Amino acid sequence: MKLFTKILLLCLLYFSLASCMDTVTRLWNGGPYISKAEHKAFAECIDEANQKLDSSEPKNIYTNPDPQLHREHQAWLALHNQEVANCMERKGYR
């Protein structure tokens, strides 16, 4: 029983140190978040995609239970995400 307790304590210590090391490595490499320049570029790409596709977005999808409207909205979201990805590629981030 004493050996089992030591092994359990050792495993617990190992996993806690491994997670701390992962956190330290992320902070050393610039943090878990995207850089300010990438964040700014992403916001610009979202705005650009919204302006380009705003008129084609299905309206009232949350109040209308029509399944066709939801499929149209999913298609619009896929197109919107593709526009954002293309914009980020143009800006050199993906």
PDB file of N, CA and C in Angstrom:
ATOM      1  N   MET A   1       0.826  -1.197   0.000  1.00  0.00           N
ATOM      2  CA  MET A   1       0.000   0.000   0.000  1.00  0.00           C
ATOM      3  C   MET A   1       0.867   1.257   0.000  1.00  0.00           C
ATOM      4  N   LYS A   2       1.970   1.178   0.727  1.00  0.00           N
ATOM      5  CA  LYS A   2       2.871   2.312   0.803  1.00  0.00           C
ATOM      6  C   LYS A   2       3.495   2.576  -0.580  1.00  0.00           C
ATOM      7  N   LEU A   3       3.839   1.493  -1.291  1.00  0.00           N
ATOM      8  CA  LEU A   3       4.409   1.629  -2.633  1.00  0.00           C
ATOM      9  C   LEU A   3       3.374   2.232  -3.596  1.00  0.00           C
ATOM     10  N   PHE A   4       2.130   1.784  -3.499  1.00  0.00           N
ATOM     11  CA  PHE A   4       1.060   2.316  -4.347  1.00  0.00           C
ATOM     12  C   PHE A   4       0.887   3.819  -4.114  1.00  0.00           C
ATOM     13  N   THR A   5       0.932   4.250  -2.868  1.00  0.00           N
ATOM     14  CA  THR A   5       0.793   5.668  -2.531  1.00  0.00           C
ATOM     15  C   THR A   5       1.947   6.469  -3.114  1.00  0.00           C
ATOM     16  N   LYS A   6       3.158   5.933  -3.041  1.00  0.00           N
ATOM     17  CA  LYS A   6       4.320   6.635  -3.596  1.00  0.00           C
ATOM     18  C   LYS A   6       4.217   6.755  -5.115  1.00  0.00           C
ATOM     19  N   ILE A   7       3.782   5.683  -5.762  1.00  0.00           N
ATOM     20  CA  ILE A   7       3.623   5.721  -7.220  1.00  0.00           C
ATOM     21  C   ILE A   7       2.544   6.721  -7.615  1.00  0.00           C
ATOM     22  N   LEU A   8       1.443   6.719  -6.908  1.00  0.00           N
ATOM     23  CA  LEU A   8       0.367   7.671  -7.186  1.00  0.00           C
ATOM     24  C   LEU A   8       0.843   9.104  -6.985  1.00  0.00           C
ATOM     25  N   LEU A   9       1.579   9.355  -5.916  1.00  0.00           N
ATOM     26  CA  LEU A   9       2.109  10.688  -5.654  1.00  0.00           C
ATOM     27  C   LEU A   9       3.102  11.093  -6.728  1.00  0.00           C
ATOM     28  N   LEU A  10       3.946  10.160  -7.157  1.00  0.00           N
ATOM     29  CA  LEU A  10       4.920  10.436  -8.207  1.00  0.00           C
ATOM     30  C   LEU A  10       4.226  10.771  -9.525  1.00  0.00           C
ATOM     31  N   CYS A  11       3.188  10.009  -9.869  1.00  0.00           N
ATOM     32  CA  CYS A  11       2.425  10.294 -11.097  1.00  0.00           C
ATOM     33  C   CYS A  11       1.749  11.656 -11.027  1.00  0.00           C
ATOM     34  N   LEU A  12       1.175  11.968  -9.902  1.00  0.00           N
ATOM     35  CA  LEU A  12       0.528  13.259  -9.713  1.00  0.00           C
ATOM     36  C   LEU A  12       1.534  14.401  -9.854  1.00  0.00           C
ATOM     37  N   LEU A  13       2.696  14.241  -9.262  1.00  0.00           N
ATOM     38  CA  LEU A  13       3.746  15.246  -9.362  1.00  0.00           C
ATOM     39  C   LEU A  13       4.214  15.389 -10.808  1.00  0.00           C
ATOM     40  N   TYR A  14       4.389  14.255 -11.486  1.00  0.00           N
ATOM     41  CA  TYR A  14       4.833  14.276 -12.876  1.00  0.00           C
ATOM     42  C   TYR A  14       3.845  15.038 -13.763  1.00  0.00           C
ATOM     43  N   PHE A  15       2.554  14.724 -13.651  1.00  0.00           N
ATOM     44  CA  PHE A  15       1.559  15.377 -14.503  1.00  0.00           C
ATOM     45  C   PHE A  15       1.417  16.856 -14.185  1.00  0.00           C
ATOM     46  N   SER A  16       1.533  17.234 -12.931  1.00  0.00           N
ATOM     47  CA  SER A  16       1.437  18.657 -12.589  1.00  0.00           C
ATOM     48  C   SER A  16       2.641  19.419 -13.122  1.00  0.00           C
ATOM     49  N   LEU A  17       3.838  18.833 -13.028  1.00  0.00           N
ATOM     50  CA  LEU A  17       5.023  19.497 -13.572  1.00  0.00           C
ATOM     51  C   LEU A  17       4.989  19.548 -15.094  1.00  0.00           C
ATOM     52  N   ALA A  18       4.455  18.526 -15.720  1.00  0.00           N
ATOM     53  CA  ALA A  18       4.352  18.521 -17.178  1.00  0.00           C
ATOM     54  C   ALA A  18       3.409  19.624 -17.652  1.00  0.00           C
ATOM     55  N   SER A  19       2.313  19.816 -16.957  1.00  0.00           N
ATOM     56  CA  SER A  19       1.391  20.888 -17.358  1.00  0.00           C
ATOM     57  C   SER A  19       1.996  22.251 -17.082  1.00  0.00           C
ATOM     58  N   CYS A  20       2.754  22.380 -16.005  1.00  0.00           N
ATOM     59  CA  CYS A  20       3.428  23.655 -15.735  1.00  0.00           C
ATOM     60  C   CYS A  20       4.467  23.947 -16.818  1.00  0.00           C
ATOM     61  N   MET A  21       5.173  22.918 -17.250  1.00  0.00           N
ATOM     62  CA  MET A  21       6.179  23.092 -18.289  1.00  0.00           C
ATOM     63  C   MET A  21       5.532  23.520 -19.599  1.00  0.00           C
ATOM     64  N   ASP A  22       4.382  22.950 -19.908  1.00  0.00           N
ATOM     65  CA  ASP A  22       3.658  23.342 -21.111  1.00  0.00           C
ATOM     66  C   ASP A  22       3.270  24.818 -21.025  1.00  0.00           C
ATOM     67  N   THR A  23       2.800  25.252 -19.871  1.00  0.00           N
ATOM     68  CA  THR A  23       2.426  26.651 -19.681  1.00  0.00           C
ATOM     69  C   THR A  23       3.637  27.558 -19.814  1.00  0.00           C
ATOM     70  N   VAL A  24       4.748  27.169 -19.224  1.00  0.00           N
ATOM     71  CA  VAL A  24       5.975  27.973 -19.316  1.00  0.00           C
ATOM     72  C   VAL A  24       6.440  28.055 -20.768  1.00  0.00           C
ATOM     73  N   THR A  25       6.378  26.948 -21.495  1.00  0.00           N
ATOM     74  CA  THR A  25       6.786  26.948 -22.899  1.00  0.00           C
ATOM     75  C   THR A  25       5.889  27.859 -23.726  1.00  0.00           C
ATOM     76  N   ARG A  26       4.582  27.817 -23.479  1.00  0.00           N
ATOM     77  CA  ARG A  26       3.671  28.700 -24.213  1.00  0.00           C
ATOM     78  C   ARG A  26       3.978  30.162 -23.926  1.00  0.00           C
ATOM     79  N   LEU A  27       4.214  30.496 -22.677  1.00  0.00           N
ATOM     80  CA  LEU A  27       4.534  31.882 -22.330  1.00  0.00           C
ATOM     81  C   LEU A  27       5.862  32.300 -22.949  1.00  0.00           C
ATOM     82  N   TRP A  28       6.828  31.408 -22.952  1.00  0.00           N
ATOM     83  CA  TRP A  28       8.129  31.709 -23.545  1.00  0.00           C
ATOM     84  C   TRP A  28       7.990  31.978 -25.041  1.00  0.00           C
ATOM     85  N   ASN A  29       7.104  31.253 -25.712  1.00  0.00           N
ATOM     86  CA  ASN A  29       6.916  31.402 -27.153  1.00  0.00           C
ATOM     87  C   ASN A  29       5.931  32.503 -27.516  1.00  0.00           C
ATOM     88  N   GLY A  30       5.566  33.345 -26.612  1.00  0.00           N
ATOM     89  CA  GLY A  30       4.716  34.479 -26.934  1.00  0.00           C
ATOM     90  C   GLY A  30       3.322  34.379 -26.370  1.00  0.00           C
ATOM     91  N   GLY A  31       3.035  33.396 -25.609  1.00  0.00           N
ATOM     92  CA  GLY A  31       1.732  33.304 -24.978  1.00  0.00           C
ATOM     93  C   GLY A  31       0.764  32.450 -25.759  1.00  0.00           C
ATOM     94  N   PRO A  32      -0.340  32.102 -25.123  1.00  0.00           N
ATOM     95  CA  PRO A  32      -1.311  31.219 -25.765  1.00  0.00           C
ATOM     96  C   PRO A  32      -2.203  31.946 -26.760  1.00  0.00           C
ATOM     97  N   TYR A  33      -2.075  33.245 -26.851  1.00  0.00           N
ATOM     98  CA  TYR A  33      -2.959  34.015 -27.710  1.00  0.00           C
ATOM     99  C   TYR A  33      -2.213  34.455 -28.958  1.00  0.00           C
ATOM    100  N   ILE A  34      -2.975  34.876 -29.959  1.00  0.00           N
ATOM    101  CA  ILE A  34      -2.356  35.348 -31.181  1.00  0.00           C
ATOM    102  C   ILE A  34      -1.752  36.728 -30.942  1.00  0.00           C
ATOM    103  N   SER A  35      -0.823  37.112 -31.784  1.00  0.00           N
ATOM    104  CA  SER A  35      -0.158  38.397 -31.624  1.00  0.00           C
ATOM    105  C   SER A  35      -1.139  39.536 -31.902  1.00  0.00           C
ATOM    106  N   LYS A  36      -0.742  40.731 -31.503  1.00  0.00           N
ATOM    107  CA  LYS A  36      -1.606  41.896 -31.725  1.00  0.00           C
ATOM    108  C   LYS A  36      -1.788  42.166 -33.217  1.00  0.00           C
ATOM    109  N   ALA A  37      -0.723  41.969 -33.984  1.00  0.00           N
ATOM    110  CA  ALA A  37      -0.827  42.193 -35.428  1.00  0.00           C
ATOM    111  C   ALA A  37      -1.771  41.177 -36.070  1.00  0.00           C
ATOM    112  N   GLU A  38      -1.677  39.914 -35.634  1.00  0.00           N
ATOM    113  CA  GLU A  38      -2.565  38.888 -36.191  1.00  0.00           C
ATOM    114  C   GLU A  38      -3.999  39.124 -35.743  1.00  0.00           C
ATOM    115  N   HIS A  39      -4.175  39.570 -34.508  1.00  0.00           N
ATOM    116  CA  HIS A  39      -5.518  39.882 -34.014  1.00  0.00           C
ATOM    117  C   HIS A  39      -6.130  41.026 -34.820  1.00  0.00           C
ATOM    118  N   LYS A  40      -5.325  42.041 -35.108  1.00  0.00           N
ATOM    119  CA  LYS A  40      -5.810  43.174 -35.904  1.00  0.00           C
ATOM    120  C   LYS A  40      -6.169  42.728 -37.317  1.00  0.00           C
ATOM    121  N   ALA A  41      -5.309  41.886 -37.919  1.00  0.00           N
ATOM    122  CA  ALA A  41      -5.581  41.386 -39.267  1.00  0.00           C
ATOM    123  C   ALA A  41      -6.847  40.530 -39.281  1.00  0.00           C
ATOM    124  N   PHE A  42      -7.034  39.706 -38.250  1.00  0.00           N
ATOM    125  CA  PHE A  42      -8.222  38.863 -38.177  1.00  0.00           C
ATOM    126  C   PHE A  42      -9.487  39.716 -38.062  1.00  0.00           C
ATOM    127  N   ALA A  43      -9.440  40.762 -37.231  1.00  0.00           N
ATOM    128  CA  ALA A  43     -10.593  41.652 -37.086  1.00  0.00           C
ATOM    129  C   ALA A  43     -10.908  42.344 -38.417  1.00  0.00           C
ATOM    130  N   GLU A  44      -9.864  42.772 -39.129  1.00  0.00           N
ATOM    131  CA  GLU A  44     -10.077  43.400 -40.436  1.00  0.00           C
ATOM    132  C   GLU A  44     -10.689  42.413 -41.429  1.00  0.00           C
ATOM    133  N   CYS A  45     -10.233  41.170 -41.384  1.00  0.00           N
ATOM    134  CA  CYS A  45     -10.765  40.152 -42.301  1.00  0.00           C
ATOM    135  C   CYS A  45     -12.222  39.832 -41.985  1.00  0.00           C
ATOM    136  N   ILE A  46     -12.560  39.790 -40.697  1.00  0.00           N
ATOM    137  CA  ILE A  46     -13.957  39.565 -40.304  1.00  0.00           C
ATOM    138  C   ILE A  46     -14.824  40.704 -40.827  1.00  0.00           C
ATOM    139  N   ASP A  47     -14.368  41.947 -40.647  1.00  0.00           N
ATOM    140  CA  ASP A  47     -15.134  43.093 -41.135  1.00  0.00           C
ATOM    141  C   ASP A  47     -15.280  43.062 -42.653  1.00  0.00           C
ATOM    142  N   GLU A  48     -14.186  42.707 -43.331  1.00  0.00           N
ATOM    143  CA  GLU A  48     -14.229  42.640 -44.795  1.00  0.00           C
ATOM    144  C   GLU A  48     -15.214  41.575 -45.268  1.00  0.00           C
ATOM    145  N   ALA A  49     -15.187  40.407 -44.626  1.00  0.00           N
ATOM    146  CA  ALA A  49     -16.108  39.328 -45.006  1.00  0.00           C
ATOM    147  C   ALA A  49     -17.542  39.706 -44.681  1.00  0.00           C
ATOM    148  N   ASN A  50     -17.759  40.382 -43.552  1.00  0.00           N
ATOM    149  CA  ASN A  50     -19.117  40.822 -43.195  1.00  0.00           C
ATOM    150  C   ASN A  50     -19.653  41.813 -44.212  1.00  0.00           C
ATOM    151  N   GLN A  51     -18.830  42.750 -44.651  1.00  0.00           N
ATOM    152  CA  GLN A  51     -19.274  43.728 -45.635  1.00  0.00           C
ATOM    153  C   GLN A  51     -19.568  43.055 -46.975  1.00  0.00           C
ATOM    154  N   LYS A  52     -18.724  42.097 -47.343  1.00  0.00           N
ATOM    155  CA  LYS A  52     -18.885  41.437 -48.633  1.00  0.00           C
ATOM    156  C   LYS A  52     -20.112  40.534 -48.665  1.00  0.00           C
ATOM    157  N   LEU A  53     -20.413  39.859 -47.549  1.00  0.00           N
ATOM    158  CA  LEU A  53     -21.471  38.849 -47.537  1.00  0.00           C
ATOM    159  C   LEU A  53     -22.691  39.236 -46.708  1.00  0.00           C
ATOM    160  N   ASP A  54     -22.762  40.470 -46.228  1.00  0.00           N
ATOM    161  CA  ASP A  54     -23.841  40.862 -45.321  1.00  0.00           C
ATOM    162  C   ASP A  54     -25.215  40.737 -45.956  1.00  0.00           C
ATOM    163  N   SER A  55     -25.351  41.110 -47.201  1.00  0.00           N
ATOM    164  CA  SER A  55     -26.681  41.093 -47.824  1.00  0.00           C
ATOM    165  C   SER A  55     -27.179  39.674 -48.083  1.00  0.00           C
ATOM    166  N   SER A  56     -26.262  38.717 -48.169  1.00  0.00           N
ATOM    167  CA  SER A  56     -26.688  37.350 -48.471  1.00  0.00           C
ATOM    168  C   SER A  56     -26.943  36.513 -47.213  1.00  0.00           C
ATOM    169  N   GLU A  57     -26.702  37.081 -46.032  1.00  0.00           N
ATOM    170  CA  GLU A  57     -26.922  36.308 -44.798  1.00  0.00           C
ATOM    171  C   GLU A  57     -28.408  36.100 -44.559  1.00  0.00           C
ATOM    172  N   PRO A  58     -28.833  34.864 -44.301  1.00  0.00           N
ATOM    173  CA  PRO A  58     -30.239  34.611 -43.990  1.00  0.00           C
ATOM    174  C   PRO A  58     -30.622  35.291 -42.675  1.00  0.00           C
ATOM    175  N   LYS A  59     -31.742  35.948 -42.653  1.00  0.00           N
ATOM    176  CA  LYS A  59     -32.186  36.667 -41.460  1.00  0.00           C
ATOM    177  C   LYS A  59     -33.152  35.808 -40.649  1.00  0.00           C
ATOM    178  N   ASN A  60     -33.304  36.132 -39.406  1.00  0.00           N
ATOM    179  CA  ASN A  60     -34.258  35.500 -38.476  1.00  0.00           C
ATOM    180  C   ASN A  60     -34.071  33.994 -38.359  1.00  0.00           C
ATOM    181  N   ILE A  61     -32.834  33.522 -38.345  1.00  0.00           N
ATOM    182  CA  ILE A  61     -32.660  32.071 -38.270  1.00  0.00           C
ATOM    183  C   ILE A  61     -32.957  31.544 -36.863  1.00  0.00           C
ATOM    184  N   TYR A  62     -32.877  32.404 -35.868  1.00  0.00           N
ATOM    185  CA  TYR A  62     -33.113  31.951 -34.496  1.00  0.00           C
ATOM    186  C   TYR A  62     -34.589  31.955 -34.131  1.00  0.00           C
ATOM    187  N   THR A  63     -35.394  32.705 -34.869  1.00  0.00           N
ATOM    188  CA  THR A  63     -36.826  32.754 -34.573  1.00  0.00           C
ATOM    189  C   THR A  63     -37.650  31.924 -35.546  1.00  0.00           C
ATOM    190  N   ASN A  64     -37.053  31.545 -36.664  1.00  0.00           N
ATOM    191  CA  ASN A  64     -37.768  30.779 -37.676  1.00  0.00           C
ATOM    192  C   ASN A  64     -37.293  29.326 -37.641  1.00  0.00           C
ATOM    193  N   PRO A  65     -38.157  28.369 -37.374  1.00  0.00           N
ATOM    194  CA  PRO A  65     -37.726  26.965 -37.267  1.00  0.00           C
ATOM    195  C   PRO A  65     -37.575  26.250 -38.603  1.00  0.00           C
ATOM    196  N   ASP A  66     -37.621  26.957 -39.705  1.00  0.00           N
ATOM    197  CA  ASP A  66     -37.542  26.334 -41.025  1.00  0.00           C
ATOM    198  C   ASP A  66     -36.165  25.691 -41.238  1.00  0.00           C
ATOM    199  N   PRO A  67     -36.114  24.372 -41.501  1.00  0.00           N
ATOM    200  CA  PRO A  67     -34.817  23.699 -41.696  1.00  0.00           C
ATOM    201  C   PRO A  67     -34.053  24.214 -42.914  1.00  0.00           C
ATOM    202  N   GLN A  68     -34.761  24.616 -43.943  1.00  0.00           N
ATOM    203  CA  GLN A  68     -34.104  25.144 -45.137  1.00  0.00           C
ATOM    204  C   GLN A  68     -33.330  26.410 -44.808  1.00  0.00           C
ATOM    205  N   LEU A  69     -33.891  27.253 -43.953  1.00  0.00           N
ATOM    206  CA  LEU A  69     -33.230  28.481 -43.543  1.00  0.00           C
ATOM    207  C   LEU A  69     -31.944  28.159 -42.787  1.00  0.00           C
ATOM    208  N   HIS A  70     -31.970  27.126 -41.971  1.00  0.00           N
ATOM    209  CA  HIS A  70     -30.770  26.729 -41.235  1.00  0.00           C
ATOM    210  C   HIS A  70     -29.694  26.177 -42.182  1.00  0.00           C
ATOM    211  N   ARG A  71     -30.103  25.436 -43.197  1.00  0.00           N
ATOM    212  CA  ARG A  71     -29.138  24.949 -44.179  1.00  0.00           C
ATOM    213  C   ARG A  71     -28.517  26.121 -44.943  1.00  0.00           C
ATOM    214  N   GLU A  72     -29.346  27.107 -45.269  1.00  0.00           N
ATOM    215  CA  GLU A  72     -28.820  28.297 -45.954  1.00  0.00           C
ATOM    216  C   GLU A  72     -27.826  29.038 -45.061  1.00  0.00           C
ATOM    217  N   HIS A  73     -28.147  29.113 -43.774  1.00  0.00           N
ATOM    218  CA  HIS A  73     -27.248  29.799 -42.859  1.00  0.00           C
ATOM    219  C   HIS A  73     -25.933  29.027 -42.707  1.00  0.00           C
ATOM    220  N   GLN A  74     -25.989  27.705 -42.662  1.00  0.00           N
ATOM    221  CA  GLN A  74     -24.765  26.914 -42.583  1.00  0.00           C
ATOM    222  C   GLN A  74     -23.911  27.130 -43.833  1.00  0.00           C
ATOM    223  N   ALA A  75     -24.548  27.206 -44.985  1.00  0.00           N
ATOM    224  CA  ALA A  75     -23.825  27.464 -46.227  1.00  0.00           C
ATOM    225  C   ALA A  75     -23.196  28.860 -46.190  1.00  0.00           C
ATOM    226  N   TRP A  76     -23.946  29.829 -45.669  1.00  0.00           N
ATOM    227  CA  TRP A  76     -23.416  31.186 -45.559  1.00  0.00           C
ATOM    228  C   TRP A  76     -22.221  31.216 -44.599  1.00  0.00           C
ATOM    229  N   LEU A  77     -22.316  30.501 -43.486  1.00  0.00           N
ATOM    230  CA  LEU A  77     -21.202  30.457 -42.535  1.00  0.00           C
ATOM    231  C   LEU A  77     -19.955  29.832 -43.160  1.00  0.00           C
ATOM    232  N   ALA A  78     -20.139  28.781 -43.945  1.00  0.00           N
ATOM    233  CA  ALA A  78     -19.003  28.155 -44.608  1.00  0.00           C
ATOM    234  C   ALA A  78     -18.352  29.137 -45.581  1.00  0.00           C
ATOM    235  N   LEU A  79     -19.161  29.867 -46.317  1.00  0.00           N
ATOM    236  CA  LEU A  79     -18.647  30.865 -47.249  1.00  0.00           C
ATOM    237  C   LEU A  79     -17.935  31.985 -46.504  1.00  0.00           C
ATOM    238  N   HIS A  80     -18.515  32.428 -45.386  1.00  0.00           N
ATOM    239  CA  HIS A  80     -17.922  33.483 -44.560  1.00  0.00           C
ATOM    240  C   HIS A  80     -16.566  33.026 -44.017  1.00  0.00           C
ATOM    241  N   ASN A  81     -16.506  31.801 -43.505  1.00  0.00           N
ATOM    242  CA  ASN A  81     -15.243  31.286 -42.970  1.00  0.00           C
ATOM    243  C   ASN A  81     -14.189  31.166 -44.064  1.00  0.00           C
ATOM    244  N   GLN A  82     -14.604  30.788 -45.250  1.00  0.00           N
ATOM    245  CA  GLN A  82     -13.667  30.695 -46.367  1.00  0.00           C
ATOM    246  C   GLN A  82     -13.139  32.073 -46.749  1.00  0.00           C
ATOM    247  N   GLU A  83     -14.008  33.074 -46.749  1.00  0.00           N
ATOM    248  CA  GLU A  83     -13.577  34.445 -47.054  1.00  0.00           C
ATOM    249  C   GLU A  83     -12.559  34.937 -46.026  1.00  0.00           C
ATOM    250  N   VAL A  84     -12.815  34.645 -44.759  1.00  0.00           N
ATOM    251  CA  VAL A  84     -11.885  35.061 -43.705  1.00  0.00           C
ATOM    252  C   VAL A  84     -10.553  34.339 -43.879  1.00  0.00           C
ATOM    253  N   ALA A  85     -10.586  33.043 -44.174  1.00  0.00           N
ATOM    254  CA  ALA A  85      -9.351  32.275 -44.377  1.00  0.00           C
ATOM    255  C   ALA A  85      -8.563  32.807 -45.569  1.00  0.00           C
ATOM    256  N   ASN A  86      -9.251  33.130 -46.656  1.00  0.00           N
ATOM    257  CA  ASN A  86      -8.576  33.692 -47.829  1.00  0.00           C
ATOM    258  C   ASN A  86      -7.932  35.033 -47.501  1.00  0.00           C
ATOM    259  N   CYS A  87      -8.632  35.857 -46.753  1.00  0.00           N
ATOM    260  CA  CYS A  87      -8.108  37.162 -46.368  1.00  0.00           C
ATOM    261  C   CYS A  87      -6.874  36.995 -45.481  1.00  0.00           C
ATOM    262  N   MET A  88      -6.920  36.058 -44.539  1.00  0.00           N
ATOM    263  CA  MET A  88      -5.768  35.834 -43.658  1.00  0.00           C
ATOM    264  C   MET A  88      -4.571  35.310 -44.458  1.00  0.00           C
ATOM    265  N   GLU A  89      -4.843  34.496 -45.476  1.00  0.00           N
ATOM    266  CA  GLU A  89      -3.744  34.031 -46.342  1.00  0.00           C
ATOM    267  C   GLU A  89      -3.130  35.179 -47.105  1.00  0.00           C
ATOM    268  N   ARG A  90      -3.984  36.085 -47.616  1.00  0.00           N
ATOM    269  CA  ARG A  90      -3.466  37.255 -48.329  1.00  0.00           C
ATOM    270  C   ARG A  90      -2.574  38.102 -47.432  1.00  0.00           C
ATOM    271  N   LYS A  91      -2.938  38.161 -46.141  1.00  0.00           N
ATOM    272  CA  LYS A  91      -2.155  38.967 -45.208  1.00  0.00           C
ATOM    273  C   LYS A  91      -0.963  38.204 -44.644  1.00  0.00           C
ATOM    274  N   GLY A  92      -0.854  36.915 -44.996  1.00  0.00           N
ATOM    275  CA  GLY A  92       0.313  36.129 -44.631  1.00  0.00           C
ATOM    276  C   GLY A  92       0.266  35.456 -43.285  1.00  0.00           C
ATOM    277  N   TYR A  93      -0.920  35.147 -42.793  1.00  0.00           N
ATOM    278  CA  TYR A  93      -1.032  34.535 -41.479  1.00  0.00           C
ATOM    279  C   TYR A  93      -1.462  33.088 -41.482  1.00  0.00           C
ATOM    280  N   ARG A  94      -1.755  32.475 -42.620  1.00  0.00           N
ATOM    281  CA  ARG A  94      -2.162  31.073 -42.605  1.00  0.00           C
ATOM    282  C   ARG A  94      -1.489  30.314 -43.702  1.00  0.00           C
TER     283      ARG A  94
END
